Protein backbone atom coordinates (compact mmCIF):
# COMPACT_ATOMS: atom_id res chain seq x y z
CA UNK A 1 4.54 24.40 10.34
CA UNK A 2 4.89 27.86 12.05
CA UNK A 3 8.41 29.42 12.02
CA UNK A 4 8.10 30.49 15.89
CA UNK A 5 9.83 27.34 17.84
CA UNK A 6 12.67 27.45 14.87
CA UNK A 7 12.95 31.18 15.59
CA UNK A 8 13.17 30.57 19.58
CA UNK A 9 15.17 27.95 19.26
CA UNK A 10 17.62 30.27 17.55
CA UNK A 11 17.34 33.00 19.80
CA UNK A 12 18.12 30.94 22.64
CA UNK A 13 21.14 29.35 21.03
CA UNK A 14 22.62 32.26 19.62
CA UNK A 15 23.61 33.45 23.22
CA UNK A 16 25.80 30.43 23.67
CA UNK A 17 26.92 29.67 20.13
CA UNK A 18 28.04 33.93 19.85
CA UNK A 19 28.01 33.49 15.56
CA UNK A 20 25.19 34.13 13.37
CA UNK A 21 23.03 31.33 12.80
CA UNK A 22 19.63 30.32 11.33
CA UNK A 23 16.96 28.26 9.15
CA UNK A 24 16.06 28.57 5.56
CA UNK A 25 13.37 26.18 4.14
CA UNK A 26 13.24 24.14 1.31
CA UNK A 27 13.26 27.29 -1.24
CA UNK A 28 16.21 28.69 0.73
CA UNK A 29 14.68 31.41 2.11
CA UNK A 30 15.75 32.55 5.79
CA UNK A 31 12.97 31.57 8.03
CA UNK A 32 14.82 31.94 11.37
CA UNK A 33 17.89 33.77 12.29
CA UNK A 34 19.70 35.23 14.92
CA UNK A 35 19.89 38.76 13.09
CA UNK A 36 16.09 39.54 12.24
CA UNK A 37 17.27 41.52 8.97
CA UNK A 38 18.15 38.93 7.43
CA UNK A 39 14.31 36.79 7.75
CA UNK A 40 12.90 36.15 4.29
CA UNK A 41 16.24 36.99 2.45
CA UNK A 42 16.57 34.24 -0.38
CA UNK A 43 20.00 32.19 -1.81
CA UNK A 44 18.84 30.22 -4.81
CA UNK A 45 22.52 28.63 -4.83
CA UNK A 46 21.69 27.28 -1.42
CA UNK A 47 18.89 25.56 -2.67
CA UNK A 48 20.38 23.76 -5.05
CA UNK A 49 23.00 22.59 -2.59
CA UNK A 50 20.25 21.08 -0.40
CA UNK A 51 19.20 19.72 -3.27
CA UNK A 52 21.86 17.56 -4.28
CA UNK A 53 22.42 15.91 -0.65
CA UNK A 54 22.13 15.35 2.99
CA UNK A 55 25.22 16.84 3.65
CA UNK A 56 27.36 19.12 5.35
CA UNK A 57 28.36 22.10 2.76
CA UNK A 58 29.86 26.03 3.24
CA UNK A 59 28.24 28.69 0.88
CA UNK A 60 29.42 32.14 1.19
CA UNK A 61 30.95 31.88 4.28
CA UNK A 62 28.08 30.20 6.20
CA UNK A 63 28.24 26.00 7.12
CA UNK A 64 24.81 24.76 6.18
CA UNK A 65 23.15 21.12 7.77
CA UNK A 66 20.25 20.30 5.85
CA UNK A 67 17.52 17.98 7.69
CA UNK A 68 13.44 16.54 7.05
CA UNK A 69 11.81 13.78 6.34
CA UNK A 70 11.88 13.15 2.82
CA UNK A 71 14.20 12.70 -0.26
CA UNK A 72 14.76 16.50 -0.56
CA UNK A 73 15.04 17.89 2.93
CA UNK A 74 12.42 20.17 3.78
CA UNK A 75 15.02 22.77 5.88
CA UNK A 76 19.06 23.60 6.60
CA UNK A 77 20.36 25.14 9.66
CA UNK A 78 23.08 28.09 8.91
CA UNK A 79 26.09 28.81 11.25
CA UNK A 80 28.63 31.78 10.07
CA UNK A 81 31.92 30.28 9.81
CA UNK A 82 33.93 26.97 8.14
CA UNK A 83 35.83 26.02 10.67
CA UNK A 84 35.38 22.53 12.59
CA UNK A 85 33.45 24.40 15.42
CA UNK A 86 30.92 25.62 12.76
CA UNK A 87 30.22 21.78 11.73
CA UNK A 88 29.46 21.40 15.13
CA UNK A 89 27.29 23.48 15.95
CA UNK A 90 25.20 23.09 12.57
CA UNK A 91 25.39 19.15 13.43
CA UNK A 92 23.83 20.08 16.96
CA UNK A 93 21.61 22.38 15.79
CA UNK A 94 20.30 20.34 12.89
CA UNK A 95 19.09 17.29 15.58
CA UNK A 96 17.77 20.28 18.15
CA UNK A 97 15.52 21.74 15.23
CA UNK A 98 14.60 18.46 13.55
CA UNK A 99 13.33 17.24 16.90
CA UNK A 100 11.37 20.42 17.83
CA UNK A 101 9.62 19.93 13.48
CA UNK A 102 8.85 16.37 14.77
CA UNK A 103 7.24 17.10 18.40
CA UNK A 104 5.09 20.26 16.32
CA UNK A 105 4.12 17.89 13.79
CA UNK A 106 2.88 15.43 15.72
CA UNK A 107 1.13 18.04 18.47
CA UNK A 108 -0.10 20.57 15.67
CA UNK A 109 -0.07 19.13 12.19
CA UNK A 110 -3.62 18.11 10.90
CA UNK A 111 -2.33 15.48 9.06
CA UNK A 112 -1.09 13.72 11.61
CA UNK A 113 -4.37 14.73 13.68
CA UNK A 114 -6.38 13.02 10.89
CA UNK A 115 -4.62 9.83 10.33
CA UNK A 116 -4.39 9.18 14.17
CA UNK A 117 -8.23 9.54 14.43
CA UNK A 118 -8.91 7.39 11.27
CA UNK A 119 -6.84 4.54 13.16
CA UNK A 120 -8.24 5.24 16.10
CA UNK A 121 -5.52 6.02 18.19
CA UNK A 122 -6.82 9.53 19.66
CA UNK A 123 -9.11 9.12 22.80
CA UNK A 124 -12.94 10.18 21.80
CA UNK A 125 -12.83 13.21 24.29
CA UNK A 126 -9.82 14.21 22.68
CA UNK A 127 -10.99 14.61 19.28
CA UNK A 128 -12.97 17.45 19.77
CA UNK A 129 -10.66 19.24 21.95
CA UNK A 130 -7.87 19.08 19.01
CA UNK A 131 -10.04 19.53 16.20
CA UNK A 132 -11.20 22.99 17.81
CA UNK A 133 -7.43 23.52 17.90
CA UNK A 134 -6.70 23.35 14.67
CA UNK A 135 -9.71 24.47 13.50
CA UNK A 136 -11.76 21.99 12.05
CA UNK A 137 -14.73 22.89 10.88
CA UNK A 138 -17.04 20.66 12.86
CA UNK A 139 -19.70 20.91 10.39
CA UNK A 140 -18.16 19.60 7.04
CA UNK A 141 -18.86 16.27 5.78
CA UNK A 142 -16.25 13.95 5.22
CA UNK A 143 -15.55 10.52 3.68
CA UNK A 144 -13.01 7.97 3.64
CA UNK A 145 -10.95 5.94 1.02
CA UNK A 146 -9.17 2.99 0.86
CA UNK A 147 -6.96 2.89 -1.93
CA UNK A 148 -5.45 -0.98 -2.27
CA UNK A 149 -2.65 -1.56 -4.82
CA UNK A 150 -3.17 -4.61 -6.58
CA UNK A 151 -0.16 -4.27 -9.02
CA UNK A 152 2.37 -1.31 -9.51
CA UNK A 153 5.36 -0.14 -11.43
CA UNK A 154 8.09 2.36 -10.04
CA UNK A 155 5.53 5.11 -9.82
CA UNK A 156 4.41 6.48 -6.10
CA UNK A 157 0.55 5.63 -5.83
CA UNK A 158 1.11 7.50 -3.02
CA UNK A 159 2.58 10.65 -4.52
CA UNK A 160 -0.51 10.42 -7.91
CA UNK A 161 -3.05 10.45 -5.08
CA UNK A 162 -1.47 13.29 -3.35
CA UNK A 163 -1.46 15.28 -6.76
CA UNK A 164 -4.67 14.64 -7.48
CA UNK A 165 -6.48 16.37 -3.97
CA UNK A 166 -3.58 19.00 -3.50
CA UNK A 167 -5.27 21.21 -1.02
CA UNK A 168 -4.34 19.75 1.98
CA UNK A 169 -6.70 21.87 4.20
CA UNK A 170 -9.33 20.19 2.99
CA UNK A 171 -8.13 16.64 1.60
CA UNK A 172 -5.32 13.80 3.51
CA UNK A 173 -3.69 11.58 1.77
CA UNK A 174 -1.71 9.06 4.05
CA UNK A 175 0.14 5.37 3.86
CA UNK A 176 -0.78 2.93 6.45
CA UNK A 177 0.54 -0.14 4.86
CA UNK A 178 2.80 -0.58 1.60
CA UNK A 179 -0.55 -1.57 -0.03
CA UNK A 180 -3.05 0.66 1.76
CA UNK A 181 -3.31 4.52 1.03
CA UNK A 182 -6.15 6.80 2.96
CA UNK A 183 -7.88 9.71 1.26
CA UNK A 184 -9.95 11.27 3.89
CA UNK A 185 -12.28 13.46 1.69
CA UNK A 186 -13.90 16.97 2.37
CA UNK A 187 -17.75 16.74 0.01
CA UNK A 188 -20.65 18.67 0.23
CA UNK A 189 -23.72 16.85 2.13
CA UNK A 190 -25.80 16.37 -1.06
CA UNK A 191 -23.28 14.38 -2.48
CA UNK A 192 -24.62 10.84 -2.94
CA UNK A 193 -23.11 7.57 -3.02
CA UNK A 194 -22.88 7.32 -6.83
CA UNK A 195 -21.08 10.89 -6.79
CA UNK A 196 -18.62 9.11 -4.77
CA UNK A 197 -18.18 5.78 -6.72
CA UNK A 198 -17.69 8.36 -9.64
CA UNK A 199 -14.67 9.93 -7.68
CA UNK A 200 -13.03 6.82 -6.90
CA UNK A 201 -13.68 5.53 -10.31
CA UNK A 202 -11.75 8.43 -11.76
CA UNK A 203 -8.78 8.12 -8.94
CA UNK A 204 -8.50 3.84 -10.58
CA UNK A 205 -8.74 5.15 -14.37
CA UNK A 206 -5.99 7.42 -13.90
CA UNK A 207 -3.81 5.11 -11.86
CA UNK A 208 -4.31 2.27 -14.67
CA UNK A 209 -4.74 4.00 -17.48
CA UNK A 210 -1.42 6.70 -16.59
CA UNK A 211 0.61 4.76 -14.33
CA UNK A 212 -0.14 1.04 -14.95
CA UNK A 213 -0.87 0.68 -11.45
CA UNK A 214 -4.04 -0.88 -10.74
CA UNK A 215 -6.27 -0.85 -7.44
CA UNK A 216 -9.48 -1.21 -5.21
CA UNK A 217 -11.23 0.93 -3.79
CA UNK A 218 -13.40 0.88 -0.81
CA UNK A 219 -15.63 3.51 0.48
CA UNK A 220 -17.08 4.14 3.63
CA UNK A 221 -20.21 6.34 4.54
CA UNK A 222 -20.08 10.31 5.04
CA UNK A 223 -19.68 11.56 8.48
CA UNK A 224 -19.80 14.97 9.64
CA UNK A 225 -16.51 16.54 11.63
CA UNK A 226 -14.00 14.56 12.40
CA UNK A 227 -14.87 11.99 15.28
CA UNK A 228 -16.65 9.18 13.30
CA UNK A 229 -13.87 9.14 10.72
CA UNK A 230 -12.72 5.75 12.13
CA UNK A 231 -15.72 4.38 11.53
CA UNK A 232 -16.07 5.36 7.65
CA UNK A 233 -12.25 4.16 7.53
CA UNK A 234 -13.22 0.38 9.39
CA UNK A 235 -16.74 0.51 6.86
CA UNK A 236 -14.43 1.16 4.24
CA UNK A 237 -11.82 -1.43 4.87
CA UNK A 238 -14.93 -3.80 5.30
CA UNK A 239 -16.13 -2.83 1.77
CA UNK A 240 -13.25 -4.29 0.21
CA UNK A 241 -12.99 -7.35 2.35
CA UNK A 242 -16.65 -8.13 1.40
CA UNK A 243 -16.47 -7.06 -2.12
CA UNK A 244 -12.70 -9.38 -2.02
CA UNK A 245 -15.27 -12.24 -1.18
CA UNK A 246 -18.45 -11.44 -3.30
CA UNK A 247 -17.62 -9.46 -5.93
CA UNK A 248 -13.99 -10.36 -6.80
CA UNK A 249 -14.66 -8.04 -10.27
CA UNK A 250 -15.64 -5.05 -9.11
CA UNK A 251 -12.61 -2.40 -8.26
CA UNK A 252 -14.83 0.49 -6.79
CA UNK A 253 -16.76 -1.00 -3.85
CA UNK A 254 -19.37 1.00 -1.80
CA UNK A 255 -20.25 -0.23 1.50
CA UNK A 256 -23.42 1.78 1.45
CA UNK A 257 -24.22 -0.94 -1.51
CA UNK A 258 -23.27 -4.30 0.37
CA UNK A 259 -26.18 -4.89 1.00
CA UNK A 260 -27.03 -8.54 2.64
CA UNK A 261 -23.30 -9.97 1.80
CA UNK A 262 -22.12 -7.59 4.86
CA UNK A 263 -24.34 -8.92 6.89
CA UNK A 264 -23.53 -12.79 6.00
CA UNK A 265 -19.60 -11.16 6.34
CA UNK A 266 -20.32 -10.87 10.09
CA UNK A 267 -21.79 -14.29 10.76
CA UNK A 268 -20.60 -16.70 12.30
CA UNK A 269 -19.06 -19.85 10.15
CA UNK A 270 -21.04 -21.78 12.69
CA UNK A 271 -24.27 -20.47 12.13
CA UNK A 272 -23.62 -20.11 8.27
CA UNK A 273 -22.84 -23.91 8.11
CA UNK A 274 -26.63 -24.65 9.80
CA UNK A 275 -28.44 -22.49 7.83
CA UNK A 276 -27.11 -24.64 4.72
CA UNK A 277 -27.66 -28.07 6.15
CA UNK A 278 -31.26 -26.52 6.82
CA UNK A 279 -31.99 -24.94 3.63
CA UNK A 280 -30.39 -28.07 1.61
CA UNK A 281 -32.25 -31.13 3.57
CA UNK A 282 -32.97 -33.15 0.06
CA UNK A 283 -29.61 -32.83 -1.03
CA UNK A 284 -26.09 -30.64 -0.81
CA UNK A 285 -25.68 -27.59 -2.81
CA UNK A 286 -22.79 -29.56 -4.75
CA UNK A 287 -25.14 -31.69 -6.14
CA UNK A 288 -25.74 -28.82 -8.72
CA UNK A 289 -23.74 -29.04 -11.64
CA UNK A 290 -22.28 -25.70 -13.03
CA UNK A 291 -24.63 -25.72 -16.36
CA UNK A 292 -27.31 -25.81 -13.50
CA UNK A 293 -25.39 -22.91 -11.17
CA UNK A 294 -25.70 -21.08 -14.24
CA UNK A 295 -29.07 -20.94 -15.34
CA UNK A 296 -29.98 -19.92 -11.42
CA UNK A 297 -27.99 -16.83 -11.94
CA UNK A 298 -29.20 -15.73 -15.14
CA UNK A 299 -32.68 -16.39 -13.47
CA UNK A 300 -32.30 -14.18 -10.66
CA UNK A 301 -30.18 -11.70 -13.08
CA UNK A 302 -33.82 -11.40 -14.86
CA UNK A 303 -36.12 -11.07 -11.96
CA UNK A 304 -37.21 -14.38 -11.74
CA UNK A 305 -38.70 -13.86 -15.46
CA UNK A 306 -38.76 -17.09 -17.01
CA UNK A 307 -39.14 -16.25 -20.72
CA UNK A 308 -36.89 -13.37 -20.40
CA UNK A 309 -34.25 -15.90 -19.02
CA UNK A 310 -34.92 -18.19 -21.69
CA UNK A 311 -34.16 -15.47 -24.49
CA UNK A 312 -31.15 -14.25 -22.58
CA UNK A 313 -29.55 -18.07 -22.16
CA UNK A 314 -31.13 -19.27 -26.00
CA UNK A 315 -32.60 -22.00 -24.94
CA UNK A 316 -36.53 -22.75 -25.06
CA UNK A 317 -38.92 -21.69 -22.18
CA UNK A 318 -39.99 -25.28 -21.57
CA UNK A 319 -36.10 -26.16 -21.15
CA UNK A 320 -35.80 -23.73 -18.62
CA UNK A 321 -38.80 -24.78 -16.93
CA UNK A 322 -37.66 -28.56 -16.71
CA UNK A 323 -34.14 -27.23 -15.68
CA UNK A 324 -36.19 -25.39 -12.86
CA UNK A 325 -38.12 -28.43 -12.02
CA UNK A 326 -35.14 -30.14 -11.83
CA UNK A 327 -33.64 -27.53 -9.27
CA UNK A 328 -37.07 -28.17 -7.12
CA UNK A 329 -37.00 -31.67 -7.25
CA UNK A 330 -32.86 -31.85 -5.78
CA UNK A 331 -33.67 -28.93 -2.95
CA UNK A 332 -36.92 -28.85 -2.24
CA UNK A 333 -36.97 -24.79 -3.76
CA UNK A 334 -39.23 -23.64 -5.74
CA UNK A 335 -36.84 -20.86 -7.52
CA UNK A 336 -40.03 -19.25 -9.05
CA UNK A 337 -41.62 -18.09 -6.23
CA UNK A 338 -40.08 -15.40 -4.38
CA UNK A 339 -39.48 -16.73 -1.11
CA UNK A 340 -38.03 -19.58 -2.24
CA UNK A 341 -35.79 -17.38 -4.10
CA UNK A 342 -34.71 -15.46 -1.72
CA UNK A 343 -33.89 -18.14 0.62
CA UNK A 344 -31.64 -20.27 -2.14
CA UNK A 345 -30.13 -16.50 -2.94
CA UNK A 346 -28.90 -16.18 0.75
CA UNK A 347 -27.74 -19.75 0.39
CA UNK A 348 -25.45 -19.38 -2.83
CA UNK A 349 -24.11 -16.61 -1.12
CA UNK A 350 -23.44 -18.28 2.69
CA UNK A 351 -21.45 -20.98 0.38
CA UNK A 352 -19.54 -18.66 -1.45
CA UNK A 353 -18.47 -16.86 1.57
CA UNK A 354 -17.54 -20.76 3.39
CA UNK A 355 -15.38 -21.16 0.61
CA UNK A 356 -13.73 -17.99 1.14
CA UNK A 357 -12.30 -19.68 4.25
CA UNK A 358 -13.29 -16.52 6.68
CA UNK A 359 -11.50 -17.45 10.75
CA UNK A 360 -13.63 -19.79 12.10
CA UNK A 361 -16.29 -19.05 15.23
């Protein structure tokens, strides 16, 4: 953040405290001081004292009080003197400076702004104004990745992802729950879905191979500017939720590639149940045994090709034809016909959706 708010308060408080006061950053460089000649100077020993604890400490005739939100304090105030009054002034200054920092971050911090946009906490009319204030390029493409931790150890996945994308002027990383991390990534307008999936795969592989942390990654669609980032985030959420139902083995799920599963996921369950009853008038889908369902799955995977499917299943062609005839007799659907195959495929997906116990409508 800018040092001007700190300097303004230091100048105001100096008239009351009548002692040299100021603020140092995490490197122990003076960034605000009632004595302007000291701004920019550094005392490396102060930096060491700040790292040890957040308590008051004395160094070279000054009383210091660290403050900030991180484990290692971001800043420390200092007051000339080592007596009780100096300690009290340092405590008061630390509280005041901390409040100023929080206010400044909420009002001007780009990462905080992006987080609020993603979570839909900013009015649409305010987004454009605030984005202009923070100098966001309205022509840049961005996409939201939702990284959900499945299993982890003591390593912070959030810190790892931040280190993978260190340019905080372009990429934004923040937690929304204990298990969900959001990455808002600046991309080129020419990037395709496969490029985004490749990036997501590299994140998942890095966390898995180097830090023994398993994650699933949902990818929203790319948007221009910041106004539609909330939509991209909701799409990434949907991708993970739909993937949990229809593609349980997939680590990377892109909203662009959900296909008909996305449509089924948003259907009322009563409509889905009605559809299944209409499709399987002759007999329920439960009447199909495991071997038959496995055959159907392989038949679909081989594009309804009888010869290729029988070869992959290591069965005679006539055996496969017999099984398909059995399915036709049970359900009334001939999977060798394209229209019937589509209906059956959708019915299987609907059945899977209902088995996932969605919220009833």
